[in-house]
């Protein structure tokens, strides 16, 4: 085989891509083992039948050929309307390009913001694909740590210590921590990017899963509309993860270039999928509330169990995840997750999958029915205290 590119060989930074536990749990389930799968953010509720009907009707009606590459007018208008209603920022069709999920929107945003060799900042803890997405553009991915003792909200002091950069990627509501950046924090971040003439890239795919407080898009802050690129999708808000319907929102000129990128990559999304996305958005906040409701309920229930069992939970105001600090067990997050899967058949994601700042934690996805989830929470608590007791015994005997 001839030589592979340096870019493709270094996409994951030379280490794991963070999905090892998930792949292992899937293999165990394929062998018939009764694993409770709490790793990835995959809804246990499937896409609403009415949305699937709209998809079917569009496909059988003939919308199976090439679709307009920026996205259909109807879907772009529906996305723009939703953003206006949620943020108050004037948004029109020309500010929106439809992408293959939020992931493609993040890649497009960094292609817009960065040249090869530029530095792109992102916040640690982070969604597992962030550094690889940045590296795929030829830019250098540099993490800025958000510390647990600060509620995993980045400090301006840490941002200012980072090297000169062309962009900053943030994610609020945050995966994996469930942190929602305060209005004051977003104002500080906005001022940081303005002073340095940087792009702010805002991943807002969890904007409908806020349990305390409210979501604020930094694009709505003064002076930020012209330097903010927002990634969104229907994956979490409408339980449409497999449909891969996302968008990038930004200044018109930036969006024009994102459309050029789409022309040279996936050449647009299938029209019948876009029509189903337009239908989904036309259902308004009522459907989004229905999709979010189980996670709101489970978030409260699992927090109550962990509080009663005296586990250390990362304070969380949003998302379909809860993070637990397991450092008292003497195990890394990877070791804890491996042993929990092997011994108790419960699969969770190690914090190390999301960066150094989340090491010694595990992330629990609230993505099985309430009864199974509450049983799994009790198993996790029992396993935690068993391992914490073993760690104390080792310390005493040592």
Protein backbone atom coordinates (compact mmCIF):
# COMPACT_ATOMS: atom_id res chain seq x y z
CA UNK A 1 0.00 0.00 0.00
CA UNK A 2 1.29 3.46 -0.85
CA UNK A 3 1.84 6.15 1.76
CA UNK A 4 -1.10 7.41 3.84
CA UNK A 5 -1.45 11.11 4.55
CA UNK A 6 -0.17 12.51 7.82
CA UNK A 7 -3.55 14.22 8.31
CA UNK A 8 -5.56 11.00 8.20
CA UNK A 9 -3.10 9.09 10.39
CA UNK A 10 -3.12 11.75 13.11
CA UNK A 11 -6.86 12.49 13.14
CA UNK A 12 -7.29 11.04 16.64
CA UNK A 13 -4.00 12.39 17.93
CA UNK A 14 -2.40 8.95 17.92
CA UNK A 15 -4.57 7.55 20.74
CA UNK A 16 -7.99 6.03 21.21
CA UNK A 17 -10.94 7.78 19.64
CA UNK A 18 -12.86 7.41 22.92
CA UNK A 19 -15.41 4.84 21.76
CA UNK A 20 -13.75 1.62 23.00
CA UNK A 21 -16.24 0.90 25.80
CA UNK A 22 -19.19 1.51 23.48
CA UNK A 23 -17.82 -0.87 20.87
CA UNK A 24 -17.12 -3.49 23.51
CA UNK A 25 -20.61 -3.23 25.00
CA UNK A 26 -22.17 -3.56 21.54
CA UNK A 27 -20.13 -6.71 20.89
CA UNK A 28 -21.29 -8.17 24.21
CA UNK A 29 -24.93 -7.41 23.35
CA UNK A 30 -24.46 -9.04 19.96
CA UNK A 31 -23.40 -12.19 21.83
CA UNK A 32 -26.69 -12.11 23.73
CA UNK A 33 -25.44 -10.63 27.01
CA UNK A 34 -28.00 -8.43 28.85
CA UNK A 35 -25.92 -5.25 28.92
CA UNK A 36 -27.65 -2.04 30.02
CA UNK A 37 -26.31 0.42 27.46
CA UNK A 38 -25.71 3.89 28.95
CA UNK A 39 -22.85 5.09 26.75
CA UNK A 40 -24.07 7.12 23.78
CA UNK A 41 -26.82 9.73 23.46
CA UNK A 42 -29.22 7.55 21.49
CA UNK A 43 -32.87 8.07 22.42
CA UNK A 44 -34.84 5.02 23.52
CA UNK A 45 -37.83 6.76 21.93
CA UNK A 46 -37.71 6.40 18.15
CA UNK A 47 -38.48 9.11 15.60
CA UNK A 48 -42.13 10.18 15.78
CA UNK A 49 -44.33 8.18 13.36
CA UNK A 50 -45.76 11.39 11.90
CA UNK A 51 -42.24 12.49 10.92
CA UNK A 52 -41.57 9.10 9.36
CA UNK A 53 -44.82 9.39 7.41
CA UNK A 54 -43.73 12.79 6.08
CA UNK A 55 -40.43 11.20 5.07
CA UNK A 56 -42.21 8.30 3.35
CA UNK A 57 -44.71 10.54 1.58
CA UNK A 58 -41.91 12.75 0.27
CA UNK A 59 -39.90 9.78 -0.99
CA UNK A 60 -42.83 8.04 -2.67
CA UNK A 61 -43.89 11.42 -4.04
CA UNK A 62 -40.65 11.60 -5.96
CA UNK A 63 -38.28 13.73 -3.88
CA UNK A 64 -35.46 11.20 -4.28
CA UNK A 65 -33.23 12.96 -6.80
CA UNK A 66 -30.59 15.57 -6.18
CA UNK A 67 -31.83 18.14 -3.70
CA UNK A 68 -30.75 21.77 -3.58
CA UNK A 69 -27.26 21.72 -2.05
CA UNK A 70 -27.66 24.54 0.51
CA UNK A 71 -30.80 22.77 1.72
CA UNK A 72 -34.35 23.08 0.49
CA UNK A 73 -35.87 26.53 0.82
CA UNK A 74 -38.54 25.12 3.12
CA UNK A 75 -36.09 23.55 5.57
CA UNK A 76 -33.74 26.54 5.62
CA UNK A 77 -36.71 28.84 6.28
CA UNK A 78 -37.95 26.54 9.05
CA UNK A 79 -34.51 26.51 10.72
CA UNK A 80 -34.27 30.31 10.45
CA UNK A 81 -37.75 30.70 11.96
CA UNK A 82 -36.87 28.43 14.90
CA UNK A 83 -33.70 30.38 15.59
CA UNK A 84 -35.50 33.71 15.52
CA UNK A 85 -38.09 32.38 17.96
CA UNK A 86 -35.47 30.90 20.31
CA UNK A 87 -32.85 33.67 20.22
CA UNK A 88 -34.48 36.82 18.90
CA UNK A 89 -31.67 37.26 16.35
CA UNK A 90 -32.75 38.15 12.83
CA UNK A 91 -32.04 35.03 10.77
CA UNK A 92 -32.98 34.42 7.16
CA UNK A 93 -32.53 31.64 4.65
CA UNK A 94 -29.21 33.02 3.49
CA UNK A 95 -27.83 32.61 7.04
CA UNK A 96 -28.48 28.85 7.02
CA UNK A 97 -26.84 25.90 5.26
CA UNK A 98 -28.16 22.39 5.85
CA UNK A 99 -25.49 19.84 6.78
CA UNK A 100 -25.17 16.11 7.41
CA UNK A 101 -25.84 16.46 11.11
CA UNK A 102 -24.25 18.76 13.62
CA UNK A 103 -20.92 17.00 13.09
CA UNK A 104 -20.65 18.19 9.47
CA UNK A 105 -21.63 21.68 10.63
CA UNK A 106 -18.71 21.73 13.08
CA UNK A 107 -16.31 20.63 10.34
CA UNK A 108 -17.64 23.34 8.01
CA UNK A 109 -17.34 25.97 10.76
CA UNK A 110 -13.67 25.19 11.30
CA UNK A 111 -13.02 25.11 7.55
CA UNK A 112 -14.49 28.61 7.43
CA UNK A 113 -12.54 29.90 10.42
CA UNK A 114 -9.12 28.29 10.10
CA UNK A 115 -6.33 27.85 7.59
CA UNK A 116 -3.94 24.88 7.83
CA UNK A 117 -1.51 25.55 10.65
CA UNK A 118 -3.83 27.94 12.50
CA UNK A 119 -4.69 27.22 16.12
CA UNK A 120 -8.27 26.41 17.07
CA UNK A 121 -9.23 26.36 20.75
CA UNK A 122 -11.83 24.09 22.32
CA UNK A 123 -12.95 23.51 25.89
CA UNK A 124 -11.98 20.39 27.84
CA UNK A 125 -14.16 18.38 28.73
CA UNK A 126 -15.40 18.08 25.17
CA UNK A 127 -17.47 15.87 22.88
CA UNK A 128 -15.12 13.15 21.69
CA UNK A 129 -14.93 14.25 18.03
CA UNK A 130 -13.90 17.88 18.62
CA UNK A 131 -10.09 17.60 18.34
CA UNK A 132 -10.29 15.25 15.36
CA UNK A 133 -12.71 17.58 13.61
CA UNK A 134 -10.26 20.44 14.02
CA UNK A 135 -7.30 18.33 12.87
CA UNK A 136 -9.26 17.31 9.77
CA UNK A 137 -9.12 20.93 8.61
CA UNK A 138 -5.34 21.09 9.00
CA UNK A 139 -5.61 23.37 12.03
CA UNK A 140 -3.96 22.65 15.38
CA UNK A 141 -6.39 21.63 18.13
CA UNK A 142 -5.56 23.18 21.51
CA UNK A 143 -7.64 22.39 24.61
CA UNK A 144 -8.46 24.93 27.32
CA UNK A 145 -9.32 23.24 30.60
CA UNK A 146 -12.62 23.95 32.35
CA UNK A 147 -12.14 22.73 35.90
CA UNK A 148 -14.56 20.65 37.95
CA UNK A 149 -14.30 23.01 40.91
CA UNK A 150 -15.64 25.82 38.69
CA UNK A 151 -18.61 23.79 37.49
CA UNK A 152 -16.76 23.00 34.26
CA UNK A 153 -17.23 26.57 33.01
CA UNK A 154 -14.06 27.93 31.36
CA UNK A 155 -12.26 30.76 33.08
CA UNK A 156 -11.15 33.79 31.13
CA UNK A 157 -7.75 33.55 32.81
CA UNK A 158 -7.24 30.09 31.29
CA UNK A 159 -8.43 31.30 27.90
CA UNK A 160 -6.03 34.23 28.03
CA UNK A 161 -3.13 31.89 28.80
CA UNK A 162 -3.86 29.94 25.62
CA UNK A 163 -1.84 30.64 22.50
CA UNK A 164 -3.02 32.98 19.77
CA UNK A 165 -5.87 31.33 17.88
CA UNK A 166 -8.33 31.88 15.05
CA UNK A 167 -11.35 30.27 16.68
CA UNK A 168 -12.87 29.08 19.93
CA UNK A 169 -15.34 26.19 20.06
CA UNK A 170 -17.81 26.10 22.96
CA UNK A 171 -20.70 23.77 23.78
CA UNK A 172 -23.52 24.96 26.02
CA UNK A 173 -25.57 23.07 27.13
CA UNK A 174 -22.50 20.91 27.47
CA UNK A 175 -21.87 17.29 26.63
CA UNK A 176 -20.56 15.55 28.74
CA UNK A 177 -20.94 17.67 31.87
CA UNK A 178 -24.47 19.08 31.58
CA UNK A 179 -23.13 22.56 32.37
CA UNK A 180 -25.05 25.55 31.01
CA UNK A 181 -22.86 28.62 30.58
CA UNK A 182 -24.18 31.62 32.46
CA UNK A 183 -25.04 34.89 30.74
CA UNK A 184 -22.01 36.46 32.45
CA UNK A 185 -19.70 33.68 31.28
CA UNK A 186 -20.90 34.00 27.69
CA UNK A 187 -20.41 37.77 27.84
CA UNK A 188 -16.82 37.19 28.98
CA UNK A 189 -16.23 34.67 26.20
CA UNK A 190 -17.75 37.03 23.64
CA UNK A 191 -15.49 39.87 24.77
CA UNK A 192 -12.48 37.54 24.63
CA UNK A 193 -13.19 36.69 20.97
CA UNK A 194 -13.95 40.30 20.03
CA UNK A 195 -10.68 41.57 21.48
CA UNK A 196 -8.72 38.99 19.51
CA UNK A 197 -10.81 39.11 16.31
CA UNK A 198 -11.59 35.38 16.61
CA UNK A 199 -14.46 33.28 15.39
CA UNK A 200 -16.70 31.84 18.08
CA UNK A 201 -18.09 28.43 17.11
CA UNK A 202 -21.07 27.44 19.24
CA UNK A 203 -22.33 23.85 19.33
CA UNK A 204 -25.97 24.14 20.45
CA UNK A 205 -27.41 20.72 19.66
CA UNK A 206 -28.72 20.34 23.24
CA UNK A 207 -30.61 23.65 23.26
CA UNK A 208 -33.93 21.92 24.09
CA UNK A 209 -32.54 19.92 27.03
CA UNK A 210 -32.16 22.57 29.72
CA UNK A 211 -33.56 21.60 33.13
CA UNK A 212 -32.49 24.63 35.16
CA UNK A 213 -32.08 28.20 33.90
CA UNK A 214 -32.21 28.90 30.20
CA UNK A 215 -30.16 28.47 27.07
CA UNK A 216 -28.52 31.58 25.62
CA UNK A 217 -26.95 31.55 22.19
CA UNK A 218 -23.82 33.76 22.10
CA UNK A 219 -24.89 34.85 18.62
CA UNK A 220 -27.56 36.93 20.40
CA UNK A 221 -24.98 39.01 22.28
CA UNK A 222 -24.03 42.49 21.13
CA UNK A 223 -21.48 42.48 18.31
CA UNK A 224 -21.41 38.67 18.01
CA UNK A 225 -23.72 37.99 15.09
CA UNK A 226 -20.94 38.73 12.60
CA UNK A 227 -18.34 36.47 14.24
CA UNK A 228 -20.40 33.52 15.55
CA UNK A 229 -21.05 30.25 13.75
CA UNK A 230 -23.75 28.07 15.32
CA UNK A 231 -24.06 24.31 14.80
CA UNK A 232 -27.45 22.71 15.40
CA UNK A 233 -29.36 19.59 14.47
CA UNK A 234 -32.58 17.63 14.83
CA UNK A 235 -30.78 14.66 16.39
CA UNK A 236 -31.41 15.43 20.06
CA UNK A 237 -34.37 17.80 19.84
CA UNK A 238 -36.49 15.53 17.63
CA UNK A 239 -35.02 12.03 18.20
CA UNK A 240 -33.74 11.96 14.61
CA UNK A 241 -30.13 10.89 15.20
CA UNK A 242 -29.94 8.61 12.17
CA UNK A 243 -31.51 11.10 9.78
CA UNK A 244 -28.38 13.28 9.94
CA UNK A 245 -30.16 16.61 9.55
CA UNK A 246 -28.10 19.50 10.87
CA UNK A 247 -27.31 23.08 10.04
CA UNK A 248 -24.73 25.80 10.30
CA UNK A 249 -25.90 29.36 10.94
CA UNK A 250 -23.74 32.42 10.46
CA UNK A 251 -23.06 35.54 8.42
CA UNK A 252 -24.23 35.35 4.80
CA UNK A 253 -20.73 35.40 3.30
CA UNK A 254 -19.54 32.59 5.58
CA UNK A 255 -22.60 30.52 4.72
CA UNK A 256 -21.92 30.99 0.98
CA UNK A 257 -18.52 29.39 1.47
CA UNK A 258 -20.05 26.58 3.55
CA UNK A 259 -22.36 25.91 0.60
CA UNK A 260 -19.27 25.63 -1.66
CA UNK A 261 -17.84 23.12 0.80
CA UNK A 262 -21.06 21.07 0.72
CA UNK A 263 -20.88 21.04 -3.08
CA UNK A 264 -17.45 19.45 -2.87
CA UNK A 265 -18.20 16.96 -0.09
CA UNK A 266 -21.61 15.32 0.37
CA UNK A 267 -23.43 17.31 -2.35
CA UNK A 268 -26.44 17.95 -0.16
CA UNK A 269 -28.88 15.82 1.83
CA UNK A 270 -31.64 13.67 0.32
CA UNK A 271 -34.75 15.73 -0.35
CA UNK A 272 -37.12 13.36 1.43
CA UNK A 273 -35.04 13.66 4.61
CA UNK A 274 -35.10 17.43 4.38
CA UNK A 275 -38.86 17.42 3.89
CA UNK A 276 -39.24 15.32 7.03
CA UNK A 277 -37.03 17.79 8.89
CA UNK A 278 -39.16 20.69 7.73
CA UNK A 279 -42.27 18.83 8.91
CA UNK A 280 -40.63 18.14 12.28
CA UNK A 281 -39.80 21.81 12.83
CA UNK A 282 -43.31 22.83 11.84
CA UNK A 283 -44.61 20.95 14.90
CA UNK A 284 -43.05 23.65 17.05
CA UNK A 285 -41.87 23.49 20.68
CA UNK A 286 -44.66 21.09 21.69
CA UNK A 287 -42.95 18.12 20.01
CA UNK A 288 -39.54 19.19 21.32
CA UNK A 289 -40.97 19.23 24.85
CA UNK A 290 -42.34 15.70 24.40
CA UNK A 291 -38.92 14.45 23.27
CA UNK A 292 -37.15 16.19 26.17
CA UNK A 293 -39.60 15.17 28.91
CA UNK A 294 -38.22 11.67 29.67
CA UNK A 295 -34.70 13.04 30.12
CA UNK A 296 -35.90 15.79 32.44
CA UNK A 297 -37.67 13.16 34.55
CA UNK A 298 -34.78 10.70 34.52
CA UNK A 299 -32.23 13.41 35.28
CA UNK A 300 -34.15 14.23 38.46
CA UNK A 301 -34.67 10.58 39.43
CA UNK A 302 -31.06 9.47 38.97
CA UNK A 303 -29.72 12.53 40.76
CA UNK A 304 -32.02 11.66 43.69
CA UNK A 305 -30.70 8.07 43.78
CA UNK A 306 -27.08 9.18 43.67
CA UNK A 307 -27.71 11.82 46.32
CA UNK A 308 -29.29 9.22 48.61
CA UNK A 309 -26.40 6.83 47.96
CA UNK A 310 -23.92 9.68 48.59
CA UNK A 311 -22.15 9.56 45.24
CA UNK A 312 -20.38 12.72 44.07
CA UNK A 313 -22.28 13.99 41.05
CA UNK A 314 -21.11 16.84 38.85
CA UNK A 315 -23.74 19.61 39.21
CA UNK A 316 -25.74 19.47 36.00
CA UNK A 317 -28.48 21.73 34.64
CA UNK A 318 -29.06 20.13 31.24
CA UNK A 319 -28.74 17.28 28.72
CA UNK A 320 -29.43 13.56 28.73
CA UNK A 321 -26.30 12.80 30.76
CA UNK A 322 -25.06 12.74 34.35
CA UNK A 323 -21.39 12.65 35.34
CA UNK A 324 -20.17 10.94 38.51
CA UNK A 325 -16.81 11.54 40.19
CA UNK A 326 -15.35 8.08 40.87
CA UNK A 327 -11.84 9.09 41.98
CA UNK A 328 -12.44 7.78 45.53
CA UNK A 329 -12.45 4.26 44.10
CA UNK A 330 -8.79 4.58 43.18
CA UNK A 331 -9.69 3.74 39.60
CA UNK A 332 -9.44 5.78 36.46
CA UNK A 333 -12.66 6.37 34.58
CA UNK A 334 -11.53 3.81 32.01
CA UNK A 335 -10.80 1.18 34.67
CA UNK A 336 -14.11 1.84 36.42
CA UNK A 337 -16.10 1.59 33.18
CA UNK A 338 -14.28 -1.57 32.07
CA UNK A 339 -14.87 -3.33 35.40
CA UNK A 340 -18.50 -2.16 35.64
CA UNK A 341 -19.19 -3.58 32.20
CA UNK A 342 -17.40 -6.88 32.79
CA UNK A 343 -18.73 -7.50 36.30
CA UNK A 344 -22.15 -5.81 36.34
CA UNK A 345 -23.08 -5.60 32.63
CA UNK A 346 -23.69 -1.85 32.81
CA UNK A 347 -21.98 0.24 30.12
CA UNK A 348 -21.02 3.88 30.82
CA UNK A 349 -18.52 6.18 29.15
CA UNK A 350 -15.23 6.89 30.94
CA UNK A 351 -14.57 10.58 31.48
CA UNK A 352 -11.22 10.20 29.75
CA UNK A 353 -13.14 9.85 26.49
CA UNK A 354 -13.98 13.54 26.86
CA UNK A 355 -10.57 14.94 27.78
CA UNK A 356 -8.15 15.27 30.67
CA UNK A 357 -10.45 17.49 32.75
CA UNK A 358 -13.04 14.70 32.97
CA UNK A 359 -10.54 12.02 34.01
CA UNK A 360 -11.68 10.11 37.08
CA UNK A 361 -15.33 10.52 36.14
CA UNK A 362 -17.86 8.48 34.18
CA UNK A 363 -20.72 9.78 32.04
CA UNK A 364 -24.09 8.07 32.27
CA UNK A 365 -26.55 8.44 29.39
CA UNK A 366 -30.19 8.50 30.52
CA UNK A 367 -31.26 6.55 27.48
CA UNK A 368 -33.12 3.45 28.70
CA UNK A 369 -36.57 3.18 30.23
CA UNK A 370 -37.04 4.54 33.74
CA UNK A 371 -37.11 1.19 35.54
CA UNK A 372 -33.96 -0.12 33.86
CA UNK A 373 -32.18 3.17 34.39
CA UNK A 374 -32.99 3.33 38.10
CA UNK A 375 -31.85 -0.27 38.53
CA UNK A 376 -28.61 0.56 36.71
CA UNK A 377 -28.10 3.61 38.95
CA UNK A 378 -28.35 1.39 42.03
CA UNK A 379 -25.88 -1.06 40.49
CA UNK A 380 -23.46 1.78 39.78
CA UNK A 381 -23.79 3.08 43.36
CA UNK A 382 -23.22 -0.38 44.86
CA UNK A 383 -20.24 -0.98 42.57
CA UNK A 384 -18.81 2.45 43.43
CA UNK A 385 -18.92 1.88 47.18
CA UNK A 386 -17.52 -1.62 46.82
CA UNK A 387 -14.51 -0.30 44.94
CA UNK A 388 -14.15 2.73 47.22
CA UNK A 389 -14.05 0.37 50.21
CA UNK A 390 -11.38 -1.73 48.53
CA UNK A 391 -9.34 1.41 47.87
CA UNK A 392 -9.59 2.45 51.53
CA UNK A 393 -8.50 -1.01 52.69
CA UNK A 394 -5.49 -0.89 50.40
CA UNK A 395 -4.57 2.56 51.71
CA UNK A 396 -4.83 1.43 55.34
CA UNK A 397 -2.88 -1.78 54.82
CA UNK A 398 -0.27 0.12 52.82
